[in-house]
Amino acid sequence: MCSGGLDTGFASLDYLQIGILGVIQGISELLPISSTAHMRIIPALLGWQDPGSAFSAAMQMAALAAVISYFWRDVQQVVTGSIGAIRDRDYDNRWFKLAVAIILATIPICIAGVALSGVLNSCNSPLRGLLVIGGSCVVLAALLAWSELTCKHERDMSQMRLRDALIVGVAQIGALIPGVSRSGSTLTAALFLNFKREEAARFSFLLGLPAIALAGLKEMWVLVHANIGADAWGHLIFGLVIASISAFFAIWGLMKFLERFSTWPFIVYRAVLGVFLIVAVSGGWLAN
């Protein structure tokens, strides 16, 4: 379903379907398992209309609300600490350095997002094919497994250098490919840099704030100018509320989990999901 060339399949779904997808979106957006992948897979398995890339992008506002509320103290310290550092010309301030790192790491995905915007959210985008998603799931699972097997996981965020931030920022570009996952790509890059698992996740979430905000606000702007109906807006707002609540609990669960365990459950899940999709599409059980 298209509106002005924009994929707006969510408008044809009912509130129960939107609620279910909102829960799935909220959980998968902030876990390293790819929300875009699940937004394609679940409707395909249940025989529902694909909600479209516009829905997935707009739902990032739910992730934004969840990350800000969960990491409110960090966000507040980054903002106030940076302002104080600039005022006092104390450029060695840890919060100012973190703010600079986040800004630097956001630049690559902004450039890539603008360059690929015509493909990412277009109707029937080739990037939303299930084979692409399946392959992306397997590749990221392999990289995440490699990081678990070879890296030491001993650094914390106070040791973050600008070079580290730029590397993680470049890795974030992978999130533009459905199936990769923004949190998955940035978490994996941070683990390769030997950060502790919970510290890698924390930086991944904080790093994602500008990118999530820009992508979500851009999509909202596009939807406003696409002249979608009042019913479609009702669906979208309902989905945002459900996804925000789900996303908050997803962050809470992931942070508690990574304090004690490794990312192997996510690795296995991604690998199994990716292989299933490749086999299902190749065997004709699911349409690509």
C-alpha atoms as a PDB file:
ATOM      1  CA  MET A   1       0.000   0.000   0.000  1.00  0.00           C
ATOM      2  CA  CYS A   2       1.490   3.333  -1.072  1.00  0.00           C
ATOM      3  CA  SER A   3       0.765   6.992  -0.440  1.00  0.00           C
ATOM      4  CA  GLY A   4       2.742   9.420  -2.558  1.00  0.00           C
ATOM      5  CA  GLY A   5       5.331   6.707  -3.212  1.00  0.00           C
ATOM      6  CA  LEU A   6       5.608   5.994   0.532  1.00  0.00           C
ATOM      7  CA  ASP A   7       5.015   2.484   1.865  1.00  0.00           C
ATOM      8  CA  THR A   8       2.087   2.869   4.292  1.00  0.00           C
ATOM      9  CA  GLY A   9       0.788  -0.674   4.618  1.00  0.00           C
ATOM     10  CA  PHE A  10       0.120  -0.153   8.351  1.00  0.00           C
ATOM     11  CA  ALA A  11      -2.960   1.906   7.473  1.00  0.00           C
ATOM     12  CA  SER A  12      -4.817  -1.245   6.371  1.00  0.00           C
ATOM     13  CA  LEU A  13      -4.169  -3.150   9.615  1.00  0.00           C
ATOM     14  CA  ASP A  14      -6.562  -3.253  12.569  1.00  0.00           C
ATOM     15  CA  TYR A  15      -5.743  -2.126  16.112  1.00  0.00           C
ATOM     16  CA  LEU A  16      -5.089  -5.668  17.394  1.00  0.00           C
ATOM     17  CA  GLN A  17      -2.552  -6.229  14.630  1.00  0.00           C
ATOM     18  CA  ILE A  18      -0.969  -2.817  15.265  1.00  0.00           C
ATOM     19  CA  GLY A  19      -0.798  -3.586  18.996  1.00  0.00           C
ATOM     20  CA  ILE A  20       0.948  -6.917  18.387  1.00  0.00           C
ATOM     21  CA  LEU A  21       3.392  -5.316  15.949  1.00  0.00           C
ATOM     22  CA  GLY A  22       3.953  -2.462  18.417  1.00  0.00           C
ATOM     23  CA  VAL A  23       5.035  -4.919  21.120  1.00  0.00           C
ATOM     24  CA  ILE A  24       7.312  -6.752  18.689  1.00  0.00           C
ATOM     25  CA  GLN A  25       8.721  -3.479  17.334  1.00  0.00           C
ATOM     26  CA  GLY A  26       9.421  -2.115  20.814  1.00  0.00           C
ATOM     27  CA  ILE A  27      11.233  -5.255  21.929  1.00  0.00           C
ATOM     28  CA  SER A  28      13.176  -5.941  18.734  1.00  0.00           C
ATOM     29  CA  GLU A  29      14.165  -2.292  18.114  1.00  0.00           C
ATOM     30  CA  LEU A  30      16.446  -2.247  21.148  1.00  0.00           C
ATOM     31  CA  LEU A  31      17.604  -5.864  21.247  1.00  0.00           C
ATOM     32  CA  PRO A  32      20.300  -6.964  18.776  1.00  0.00           C
ATOM     33  CA  ILE A  33      17.812  -8.921  16.649  1.00  0.00           C
ATOM     34  CA  SER A  34      16.569  -6.302  14.117  1.00  0.00           C
ATOM     35  CA  SER A  35      13.138  -4.711  14.389  1.00  0.00           C
ATOM     36  CA  THR A  36      12.845  -4.216  10.615  1.00  0.00           C
ATOM     37  CA  ALA A  37      13.381  -7.934  10.107  1.00  0.00           C
ATOM     38  CA  HIS A  38      10.577  -8.797  12.526  1.00  0.00           C
ATOM     39  CA  MET A  39       8.257  -6.218  10.959  1.00  0.00           C
ATOM     40  CA  ARG A  40       8.636  -8.130   7.685  1.00  0.00           C
ATOM     41  CA  ILE A  41       8.708 -11.651   9.079  1.00  0.00           C
ATOM     42  CA  ILE A  42       5.725 -11.626  11.462  1.00  0.00           C
ATOM     43  CA  PRO A  43       3.198 -10.217   8.939  1.00  0.00           C
ATOM     44  CA  ALA A  44       4.525 -12.629   6.283  1.00  0.00           C
ATOM     45  CA  LEU A  45       4.048 -15.626   8.586  1.00  0.00           C
ATOM     46  CA  LEU A  46       0.579 -14.507   9.732  1.00  0.00           C
ATOM     47  CA  GLY A  47      -0.608 -13.487   6.278  1.00  0.00           C
ATOM     48  CA  TRP A  48      -0.954  -9.791   7.234  1.00  0.00           C
ATOM     49  CA  GLN A  49      -0.243  -6.763   5.112  1.00  0.00           C
ATOM     50  CA  ASP A  50       3.396  -5.630   5.399  1.00  0.00           C
ATOM     51  CA  PRO A  51       3.177  -2.505   7.629  1.00  0.00           C
ATOM     52  CA  GLY A  52       5.869  -0.879   5.501  1.00  0.00           C
ATOM     53  CA  SER A  53       9.189   0.771   6.168  1.00  0.00           C
ATOM     54  CA  ALA A  54       7.476   4.056   7.085  1.00  0.00           C
ATOM     55  CA  PHE A  55       5.882   2.330  10.089  1.00  0.00           C
ATOM     56  CA  SER A  56       9.211   0.880  11.244  1.00  0.00           C
ATOM     57  CA  ALA A  57      10.969   4.238  10.863  1.00  0.00           C
ATOM     58  CA  ALA A  58       8.240   6.194  12.658  1.00  0.00           C
ATOM     59  CA  MET A  59       8.211   3.634  15.479  1.00  0.00           C
ATOM     60  CA  GLN A  60      11.774   4.679  16.265  1.00  0.00           C
ATOM     61  CA  MET A  61      10.233   7.561  18.197  1.00  0.00           C
ATOM     62  CA  ALA A  62       9.075   4.914  20.671  1.00  0.00           C
ATOM     63  CA  ALA A  63      12.651   3.705  21.058  1.00  0.00           C
ATOM     64  CA  LEU A  64      13.755   7.313  21.534  1.00  0.00           C
ATOM     65  CA  ALA A  65      11.287   7.817  24.382  1.00  0.00           C
ATOM     66  CA  ALA A  66      12.326   4.543  26.021  1.00  0.00           C
ATOM     67  CA  VAL A  67      16.083   5.218  25.810  1.00  0.00           C
ATOM     68  CA  ILE A  68      15.754   8.777  27.153  1.00  0.00           C
ATOM     69  CA  SER A  69      13.561   7.678  30.055  1.00  0.00           C
ATOM     70  CA  TYR A  70      15.766   4.694  30.997  1.00  0.00           C
ATOM     71  CA  PHE A  71      19.069   6.561  30.636  1.00  0.00           C
ATOM     72  CA  TRP A  72      17.715   9.900  31.832  1.00  0.00           C
ATOM     73  CA  ARG A  73      20.547  10.461  34.311  1.00  0.00           C
ATOM     74  CA  ASP A  74      23.174   9.832  31.603  1.00  0.00           C
ATOM     75  CA  VAL A  75      21.377  12.066  29.111  1.00  0.00           C
ATOM     76  CA  GLN A  76      21.068  14.832  31.695  1.00  0.00           C
ATOM     77  CA  GLN A  77      24.737  14.606  32.624  1.00  0.00           C
ATOM     78  CA  VAL A  78      25.845  14.640  28.980  1.00  0.00           C
ATOM     79  CA  VAL A  79      23.798  17.794  28.303  1.00  0.00           C
ATOM     80  CA  THR A  80      24.544  19.733  31.497  1.00  0.00           C
ATOM     81  CA  GLY A  81      28.139  18.522  31.673  1.00  0.00           C
ATOM     82  CA  SER A  82      28.805  19.574  28.080  1.00  0.00           C
ATOM     83  CA  ILE A  83      27.267  22.996  28.598  1.00  0.00           C
ATOM     84  CA  GLY A  84      29.331  23.488  31.754  1.00  0.00           C
ATOM     85  CA  ALA A  85      32.501  22.283  30.006  1.00  0.00           C
ATOM     86  CA  ILE A  86      32.015  24.735  27.145  1.00  0.00           C
ATOM     87  CA  ARG A  87      31.313  27.558  29.586  1.00  0.00           C
ATOM     88  CA  ASP A  88      34.403  26.738  31.657  1.00  0.00           C
ATOM     89  CA  ARG A  89      36.487  25.730  28.613  1.00  0.00           C
ATOM     90  CA  ASP A  90      37.111  22.413  30.312  1.00  0.00           C
ATOM     91  CA  TYR A  91      37.373  20.246  27.221  1.00  0.00           C
ATOM     92  CA  ASP A  92      38.728  17.297  29.203  1.00  0.00           C
ATOM     93  CA  ASN A  93      35.343  16.936  30.910  1.00  0.00           C
ATOM     94  CA  ARG A  94      34.209  13.297  30.502  1.00  0.00           C
ATOM     95  CA  TRP A  95      30.640  14.253  29.594  1.00  0.00           C
ATOM     96  CA  PHE A  96      31.789  16.751  26.986  1.00  0.00           C
ATOM     97  CA  LYS A  97      34.029  14.078  25.466  1.00  0.00           C
ATOM     98  CA  LEU A  98      31.102  11.639  25.398  1.00  0.00           C
ATOM     99  CA  ALA A  99      28.889  14.238  23.694  1.00  0.00           C
ATOM    100  CA  VAL A 100      31.569  14.837  21.038  1.00  0.00           C
ATOM    101  CA  ALA A 101      31.931  11.066  20.575  1.00  0.00           C
ATOM    102  CA  ILE A 102      28.176  10.655  20.069  1.00  0.00           C
ATOM    103  CA  ILE A 103      28.035  13.502  17.544  1.00  0.00           C
ATOM    104  CA  LEU A 104      31.056  12.176  15.648  1.00  0.00           C
ATOM    105  CA  ALA A 105      29.623   8.652  15.569  1.00  0.00           C
ATOM    106  CA  THR A 106      26.294   9.937  14.205  1.00  0.00           C
ATOM    107  CA  ILE A 107      27.776  11.608  11.115  1.00  0.00           C
ATOM    108  CA  PRO A 108      28.370   8.415   9.048  1.00  0.00           C
ATOM    109  CA  ILE A 109      24.786   7.135   9.279  1.00  0.00           C
ATOM    110  CA  CYS A 110      23.383  10.603   8.528  1.00  0.00           C
ATOM    111  CA  ILE A 111      25.375  10.742   5.294  1.00  0.00           C
ATOM    112  CA  ALA A 112      24.473   7.158   4.338  1.00  0.00           C
ATOM    113  CA  GLY A 113      20.807   7.647   5.295  1.00  0.00           C
ATOM    114  CA  VAL A 114      20.437  10.685   3.040  1.00  0.00           C
ATOM    115  CA  ALA A 115      22.254   8.938   0.181  1.00  0.00           C
ATOM    116  CA  LEU A 116      20.001   5.856   0.408  1.00  0.00           C
ATOM    117  CA  SER A 117      16.732   7.544   1.393  1.00  0.00           C
ATOM    118  CA  GLY A 118      15.218   6.992  -2.062  1.00  0.00           C
ATOM    119  CA  VAL A 119      15.653   3.230  -1.717  1.00  0.00           C
ATOM    120  CA  LEU A 120      15.071   2.637   1.993  1.00  0.00           C
ATOM    121  CA  ASN A 121      11.437   3.768   2.307  1.00  0.00           C
ATOM    122  CA  SER A 122      10.189   3.294  -1.246  1.00  0.00           C
ATOM    123  CA  CYS A 123       7.356   0.931  -2.030  1.00  0.00           C
ATOM    124  CA  ASN A 124       8.587  -2.634  -2.652  1.00  0.00           C
ATOM    125  CA  SER A 125      12.128  -1.707  -1.675  1.00  0.00           C
ATOM    126  CA  PRO A 126      14.517  -4.546  -2.641  1.00  0.00           C
ATOM    127  CA  LEU A 127      16.250  -4.122   0.722  1.00  0.00           C
ATOM    128  CA  ARG A 128      13.119  -5.410   2.488  1.00  0.00           C
ATOM    129  CA  GLY A 129      13.249  -8.794   0.756  1.00  0.00           C
ATOM    130  CA  LEU A 130      13.287 -11.779   3.119  1.00  0.00           C
ATOM    131  CA  LEU A 131      16.427 -13.186   1.495  1.00  0.00           C
ATOM    132  CA  VAL A 132      18.276  -9.953   2.249  1.00  0.00           C
ATOM    133  CA  ILE A 133      16.980 -10.037   5.815  1.00  0.00           C
ATOM    134  CA  GLY A 134      17.927 -13.704   6.255  1.00  0.00           C
ATOM    135  CA  GLY A 135      21.435 -13.139   4.938  1.00  0.00           C
ATOM    136  CA  SER A 136      21.879 -10.079   7.161  1.00  0.00           C
ATOM    137  CA  CYS A 137      20.772 -12.038  10.230  1.00  0.00           C
ATOM    138  CA  VAL A 138      23.348 -14.751   9.568  1.00  0.00           C
ATOM    139  CA  VAL A 139      26.212 -12.339   8.820  1.00  0.00           C
ATOM    140  CA  LEU A 140      25.649 -10.249  11.957  1.00  0.00           C
ATOM    141  CA  ALA A 141      25.291 -13.431  14.044  1.00  0.00           C
ATOM    142  CA  ALA A 142      28.683 -14.597  12.765  1.00  0.00           C
ATOM    143  CA  LEU A 143      30.317 -11.246  13.568  1.00  0.00           C
ATOM    144  CA  LEU A 144      28.782 -11.119  17.034  1.00  0.00           C
ATOM    145  CA  ALA A 145      29.970 -14.679  17.695  1.00  0.00           C
ATOM    146  CA  TRP A 146      33.462 -13.712  16.537  1.00  0.00           C
ATOM    147  CA  SER A 147      33.507 -10.816  18.993  1.00  0.00           C
ATOM    148  CA  GLU A 148      32.461 -13.109  21.842  1.00  0.00           C
ATOM    149  CA  LEU A 149      35.178 -15.650  21.013  1.00  0.00           C
ATOM    150  CA  THR A 150      38.101 -13.302  20.434  1.00  0.00           C
ATOM    151  CA  CYS A 151      37.609 -10.124  22.505  1.00  0.00           C
ATOM    152  CA  LYS A 152      38.400  -9.411  26.145  1.00  0.00           C
ATOM    153  CA  HIS A 153      35.416  -7.245  27.218  1.00  0.00           C
ATOM    154  CA  GLU A 154      37.321  -5.246  29.840  1.00  0.00           C
ATOM    155  CA  ARG A 155      37.024  -1.542  28.878  1.00  0.00           C
ATOM    156  CA  ASP A 156      34.397   0.904  30.168  1.00  0.00           C
ATOM    157  CA  MET A 157      32.971   4.100  28.697  1.00  0.00           C
ATOM    158  CA  SER A 158      35.453   6.326  30.530  1.00  0.00           C
ATOM    159  CA  GLN A 159      38.082   4.853  28.186  1.00  0.00           C
ATOM    160  CA  MET A 160      36.141   5.745  25.025  1.00  0.00           C
ATOM    161  CA  ARG A 161      38.316   7.503  22.441  1.00  0.00           C
ATOM    162  CA  LEU A 162      37.125   9.469  19.416  1.00  0.00           C
ATOM    163  CA  ARG A 163      38.555   6.777  17.169  1.00  0.00           C
ATOM    164  CA  ASP A 164      36.421   4.183  18.984  1.00  0.00           C
ATOM    165  CA  ALA A 165      33.318   6.324  18.549  1.00  0.00           C
ATOM    166  CA  LEU A 166      33.962   6.749  14.827  1.00  0.00           C
ATOM    167  CA  ILE A 167      34.405   2.993  14.348  1.00  0.00           C
ATOM    168  CA  VAL A 168      31.123   2.283  16.136  1.00  0.00           C
ATOM    169  CA  GLY A 169      29.478   5.081  14.116  1.00  0.00           C
ATOM    170  CA  VAL A 170      30.603   3.558  10.824  1.00  0.00           C
ATOM    171  CA  ALA A 171      29.270   0.177  11.998  1.00  0.00           C
ATOM    172  CA  GLN A 172      25.917   1.847  12.646  1.00  0.00           C
ATOM    173  CA  ILE A 173      25.507   2.325   8.875  1.00  0.00           C
ATOM    174  CA  GLY A 174      24.800  -1.398   8.728  1.00  0.00           C
ATOM    175  CA  ALA A 175      21.502  -0.723  10.489  1.00  0.00           C
ATOM    176  CA  LEU A 176      20.152   0.683   7.213  1.00  0.00           C
ATOM    177  CA  ILE A 177      20.075  -2.883   5.881  1.00  0.00           C
ATOM    178  CA  PRO A 178      17.045  -4.764   7.244  1.00  0.00           C
ATOM    179  CA  GLY A 179      18.134  -7.723   9.336  1.00  0.00           C
ATOM    180  CA  VAL A 180      21.367  -6.164  10.603  1.00  0.00           C
ATOM    181  CA  SER A 181      19.929  -4.192  13.579  1.00  0.00           C
ATOM    182  CA  ARG A 182      21.210  -0.819  14.775  1.00  0.00           C
ATOM    183  CA  SER A 183      21.788  -2.046  18.307  1.00  0.00           C
ATOM    184  CA  GLY A 184      23.310  -5.259  16.939  1.00  0.00           C
ATOM    185  CA  SER A 185      25.802  -3.516  14.655  1.00  0.00           C
ATOM    186  CA  THR A 186      26.911  -0.941  17.233  1.00  0.00           C
ATOM    187  CA  LEU A 187      27.035  -3.478  20.076  1.00  0.00           C
ATOM    188  CA  THR A 188      29.166  -5.807  17.951  1.00  0.00           C
ATOM    189  CA  ALA A 189      31.570  -3.015  16.986  1.00  0.00           C
ATOM    190  CA  ALA A 190      31.935  -1.947  20.632  1.00  0.00           C
ATOM    191  CA  LEU A 191      32.602  -5.542  21.690  1.00  0.00           C
ATOM    192  CA  PHE A 192      35.331  -5.808  19.041  1.00  0.00           C
ATOM    193  CA  LEU A 193      36.892  -2.763  20.714  1.00  0.00           C
ATOM    194  CA  ASN A 194      37.026  -4.810  23.948  1.00  0.00           C
ATOM    195  CA  PHE A 195      34.312  -2.935  25.852  1.00  0.00           C
ATOM    196  CA  LYS A 196      32.433  -4.769  28.579  1.00  0.00           C
ATOM    197  CA  ARG A 197      29.110  -6.110  27.342  1.00  0.00           C
ATOM    198  CA  GLU A 198      26.930  -3.820  29.488  1.00  0.00           C
ATOM    199  CA  GLU A 199      29.142  -0.812  28.670  1.00  0.00           C
ATOM    200  CA  ALA A 200      28.959  -1.631  24.954  1.00  0.00           C
ATOM    201  CA  ALA A 201      25.165  -1.769  25.194  1.00  0.00           C
ATOM    202  CA  ARG A 202      25.031   1.485  27.155  1.00  0.00           C
ATOM    203  CA  PHE A 203      27.116   3.331  24.566  1.00  0.00           C
ATOM    204  CA  SER A 204      25.071   1.729  21.780  1.00  0.00           C
ATOM    205  CA  PHE A 205      21.859   3.128  23.251  1.00  0.00           C
ATOM    206  CA  LEU A 206      23.267   6.608  23.946  1.00  0.00           C
ATOM    207  CA  LEU A 207      24.905   6.730  20.516  1.00  0.00           C
ATOM    208  CA  GLY A 208      21.583   5.848  18.939  1.00  0.00           C
ATOM    209  CA  LEU A 209      19.727   8.861  20.352  1.00  0.00           C
ATOM    210  CA  PRO A 210      20.610  11.384  17.599  1.00  0.00           C
ATOM    211  CA  ALA A 211      20.223   8.849  14.777  1.00  0.00           C
ATOM    212  CA  ILE A 212      16.905   7.539  16.114  1.00  0.00           C
ATOM    213  CA  ALA A 213      15.596  11.071  16.688  1.00  0.00           C
ATOM    214  CA  LEU A 214      16.600  12.289  13.227  1.00  0.00           C
ATOM    215  CA  ALA A 215      15.217   9.204  11.452  1.00  0.00           C
ATOM    216  CA  GLY A 216      11.962   9.260  13.418  1.00  0.00           C
ATOM    217  CA  LEU A 217      11.362  13.003  13.014  1.00  0.00           C
ATOM    218  CA  LYS A 218      12.181  12.822   9.305  1.00  0.00           C
ATOM    219  CA  GLU A 219       9.688  10.008   8.835  1.00  0.00           C
ATOM    220  CA  MET A 220       7.016  11.883  10.776  1.00  0.00           C
ATOM    221  CA  TRP A 221       7.624  14.912   8.555  1.00  0.00           C
ATOM    222  CA  VAL A 222       7.281  12.757   5.434  1.00  0.00           C
ATOM    223  CA  LEU A 223       4.068  11.188   6.746  1.00  0.00           C
ATOM    224  CA  VAL A 224       2.585  14.605   7.528  1.00  0.00           C
ATOM    225  CA  HIS A 225       3.180  15.664   3.933  1.00  0.00           C
ATOM    226  CA  ALA A 226       1.956  12.337   2.515  1.00  0.00           C
ATOM    227  CA  ASN A 227      -1.629  13.299   3.428  1.00  0.00           C
ATOM    228  CA  ILE A 228      -2.431   9.990   5.124  1.00  0.00           C
ATOM    229  CA  GLY A 229      -5.872   9.758   6.718  1.00  0.00           C
ATOM    230  CA  ALA A 230      -6.935  10.262  10.331  1.00  0.00           C
ATOM    231  CA  ASP A 231      -7.396   6.495  10.761  1.00  0.00           C
ATOM    232  CA  ALA A 232      -3.783   5.914   9.728  1.00  0.00           C
ATOM    233  CA  TRP A 233      -2.597   8.479  12.284  1.00  0.00           C
ATOM    234  CA  GLY A 234      -4.683   6.732  14.931  1.00  0.00           C
ATOM    235  CA  HIS A 235      -2.970   3.444  14.092  1.00  0.00           C
ATOM    236  CA  LEU A 236       0.441   5.096  14.243  1.00  0.00           C
ATOM    237  CA  ILE A 237      -0.116   6.813  17.612  1.00  0.00           C
ATOM    238  CA  PHE A 238      -1.511   3.619  19.141  1.00  0.00           C
ATOM    239  CA  GLY A 239       1.508   1.676  17.871  1.00  0.00           C
ATOM    240  CA  LEU A 240       3.885   4.298  19.295  1.00  0.00           C
ATOM    241  CA  VAL A 241       2.383   4.046  22.794  1.00  0.00           C
ATOM    242  CA  ILE A 242       2.539   0.238  22.820  1.00  0.00           C
ATOM    243  CA  ALA A 243       6.057   0.187  21.353  1.00  0.00           C
ATOM    244  CA  SER A 244       7.342   2.754  23.888  1.00  0.00           C
ATOM    245  CA  ILE A 245       6.269   0.623  26.839  1.00  0.00           C
ATOM    246  CA  SER A 246       7.691  -2.536  25.271  1.00  0.00           C
ATOM    247  CA  ALA A 247      10.971  -0.812  24.390  1.00  0.00           C
ATOM    248  CA  PHE A 248      11.513   0.397  27.975  1.00  0.00           C
ATOM    249  CA  PHE A 249      11.211  -3.123  29.354  1.00  0.00           C
ATOM    250  CA  ALA A 250      13.431  -4.427  26.539  1.00  0.00           C
ATOM    251  CA  ILE A 251      16.228  -2.053  27.605  1.00  0.00           C
ATOM    252  CA  TRP A 252      15.795  -2.966  31.264  1.00  0.00           C
ATOM    253  CA  GLY A 253      15.927  -6.678  30.469  1.00  0.00           C
ATOM    254  CA  LEU A 254      18.928  -6.409  28.138  1.00  0.00           C
ATOM    255  CA  MET A 255      21.014  -4.355  30.574  1.00  0.00           C
ATOM    256  CA  LYS A 256      20.300  -6.775  33.436  1.00  0.00           C
ATOM    257  CA  PHE A 257      21.054  -9.736  31.184  1.00  0.00           C
ATOM    258  CA  LEU A 258      24.387  -8.417  29.886  1.00  0.00           C
ATOM    259  CA  GLU A 259      25.598  -7.687  33.415  1.00  0.00           C
ATOM    260  CA  ARG A 260      25.705 -11.445  33.997  1.00  0.00           C
ATOM    261  CA  PHE A 261      25.629 -13.247  30.658  1.00  0.00           C
ATOM    262  CA  SER A 262      27.057 -13.148  27.128  1.00  0.00           C
ATOM    263  CA  THR A 263      25.262 -12.388  23.850  1.00  0.00           C
ATOM    264  CA  TRP A 264      25.207 -16.038  22.733  1.00  0.00           C
ATOM    265  CA  PRO A 265      21.401 -16.419  23.025  1.00  0.00           C
ATOM    266  CA  PHE A 266      20.999 -13.544  20.542  1.00  0.00           C
ATOM    267  CA  ILE A 267      23.651 -15.053  18.276  1.00  0.00           C
ATOM    268  CA  VAL A 268      21.867 -18.397  18.147  1.00  0.00           C
ATOM    269  CA  TYR A 269      18.472 -16.734  17.655  1.00  0.00           C
ATOM    270  CA  ARG A 270      19.730 -14.599  14.756  1.00  0.00           C
ATOM    271  CA  ALA A 271      21.490 -17.523  13.086  1.00  0.00           C
ATOM    272  CA  VAL A 272      18.443 -19.818  13.319  1.00  0.00           C
ATOM    273  CA  LEU A 273      16.114 -17.059  12.122  1.00  0.00           C
ATOM    274  CA  GLY A 274      18.366 -16.192   9.188  1.00  0.00           C
ATOM    275  CA  VAL A 275      18.783 -19.798   8.043  1.00  0.00           C
ATOM    276  CA  PHE A 276      15.024 -20.382   8.376  1.00  0.00           C
ATOM    277  CA  LEU A 277      14.239 -17.381   6.171  1.00  0.00           C
ATOM    278  CA  ILE A 278      16.751 -18.361   3.505  1.00  0.00           C
ATOM    279  CA  VAL A 279      15.449 -21.941   3.417  1.00  0.00           C
ATOM    280  CA  ALA A 280      11.784 -20.867   3.537  1.00  0.00           C
ATOM    281  CA  VAL A 281      12.128 -18.411   0.651  1.00  0.00           C
ATOM    282  CA  SER A 282      14.342 -20.718  -1.403  1.00  0.00           C
ATOM    283  CA  GLY A 283      11.872 -23.560  -0.861  1.00  0.00           C
ATOM    284  CA  GLY A 284       8.880 -21.433  -1.818  1.00  0.00           C
ATOM    285  CA  TRP A 285       7.248 -21.568   1.612  1.00  0.00           C
ATOM    286  CA  LEU A 286       7.472 -17.791   1.974  1.00  0.00           C
ATOM    287  CA  ALA A 287       7.364 -15.113  -0.711  1.00  0.00           C
ATOM    288  CA  ASN A 288      10.442 -12.934  -0.824  1.00  0.00           C
END
